[in-house]
Amino acid sequence: MSIVANTPVTHRHILSSWSPLALSWIMMAVEGPYLTALVARLDQPKINLAAFGVAFAFGLLLESPVIMLMAAAAKLVKDRVSLQTVQKISLALSIACTVAMGILTIGPFFRFWAQGLLSLPNELLDPLWWAVVLMLPWPGFIGIRRFYQGVLIASGLTKRLAVGTAIRLTTMSATAFVLFKTQPIHGAAIATASLSVGVICEALFTVRVARTTKQALKAKDPEDNSETITVKSFARFYWPLVLTTLIGMAIQPFVSFALSHSKDPIASLAVLPVIHGIVFFFRAIPLSFQEIIITMLGKSMDSKQTLKVFATYLAIILTVIMILLSCTPLAGFWFAHVAGLPDNLLNFAKWPLILNIGVPSLSLWLCWQRSLCIHYQNTKPVTHASAVEIGLVCVVMLLAIVADINLSGIIVAMFALSFARLAANLYLSAVRKRAEAIAVTF
C-alpha cells in the first residue's frame, strides 16, 4: 500500500503498511530459536551452541555496513539517478563484506581472532571454523537483499517482503532439517549453512520481484527541485549509519570475548545464542517499524503524532508479552522443551532472560529516535548514541572481569546490554533538546 503526500496517516494506514514488514521480521526472529533448538539436540550441544553463538556474532559484525541499506534506499531512491548511485554503492559494500568474512577464515587470521583476541577454548576452534566458512554468503546476499527491499518499501510494496522472508524461512528450515537428520557436519556448521541457504534464496526472490519497480525508477528523471544523489552526498548521509551499525554489531563479538574470560565461560557462551534468539524477536518488531516511520513522516501534518501513539501502544503490548514469557513458567517450558537446553544449562538461562524485560520498549524508543534522525538526514547523533551504548557495555563487563565478581558471565552481559541501551536512549533524548531534527520522548 502506497501513501501519497498530504494523505492523512491513520493507525489503519500504519498497520496496513507495517504488518507485512512485522511479519517478515517475526519470521526472521524464528530462525534463531529454531536453529539453537536443533543444535541443542545434536552431539556436544554445549560446544556447538557456543561455536554457533560466536560465528553468528561475527556474521552480524561483518554485515553491519549493509544493514542500513534498506533504510537508505527507502529514503533516497526516488528516480533513475538515485537508483543507479545507491545500487552501485550497495553492490560494492556487499562484495567488500563478503571478502572481509573470507579473510577471517584464513588460518593465521582465524587463529588471531579466535585464539589471540577471544582466547576461545581449543575444543571450540574446529566447529567454529566450519561455522564461519559456511556463513560466507551471509553478508553479501543480505546487502543485495536489503537494497532491493528498501526500493520496494519506498514504492509501498511491503507485502512482497513478507513473501521473501517466508521463502527464506522455508528453505532455511528444510536445509536445517535435512542436515539434522544426516549430520554430515558439526551442529554449529549445520546452523550457519542453513542460514546461508535461506538468505541466498530470499535475496534472489527479492531481486526478481523488484524488477518492475526498478524499471519504473529507471524511466523516471530527477525532479528539477530535487537534490541529486551523488556518491559523496550518499556517503555523507550513510557513513554515520554504517558506524552506528558497526558499533552496535561489535557488541556481540565483544560480549563473546568477555564471556570467554568470565565465570562459567562455556556455559555462558552456550546459553548466549538461545537468549539472543528470544531477545531478537522483541527487537525485530521495533526494527520492522523503523522503515515505516521513515517513509511516513511528513506525509501529513499529524503523521508524527499518529506514529508516536502507535509506537507507544506497540511498546506496551510487547513489554507485557516479554514479562509473561520471562517471569512465568513459560520460561522454563521454553528452555527445556522448545530450545532443548540440557538440564545443566537451564539455570543459566532464566535470570539473563528476566534482565531483558525492558528490551521491547527500549528498542522501540531507540528505533523511533533513529528514524527521526534519518528522516531529517541528521545521522551523526545516531552514531554517538551507539558509541555510548557499546562503551558502557565494555566498561561494565571489563569491570566485572577485573573485580572477579561471583556472577556468571551471561548475567553480567545481559545487565550490561540493557543498561547500555537505556543510556543510549537517554543520550538521544538529551541531544534532541539541542537539535530540531530530534523531538520525541516516550
Foldseek 3Di string as FASTA:
>chain_A
DDFFFADDDFPVNLCVLLVLLLLLLLLVLVLLLQLLLLLLPDPPSLLLLLLLLLLVLVLLLLLLLQPCLLLLLLQQQDAQQSLVASLVVLQVSLVVSLVVLVVCLPVVNVCCCCCVQQVADPSNSPSNSLLSVLLSNPNNLVSLQSNLNSLCVSVSNSNLSSVLSVQLSVQLSVQLVVCSVVVPDRSSNSSSNSNNRSSNSSSVSSVVVSVVSSVVRNPGDDDPPDDRDHNVNSCLLSVLSSLLSSLQSVLSNVLLSLLCLAPPNSLLSSLVSVLCSVLSSLLSSLVSSLSVLLNQPNSHPCSLVNSVVSLVVVLVVSLVVLCCCQVDCVVVCCVCPSSNHPPVNSVVHRLLSVLCSNSNVLSNLLSSQCSLCSNVSNSNLSSVLSVQLSVQLVVQSVVCSVVNDPDNSSNSNSNSNVVSSVSSSVSSVVVCVVPVSGDDDD
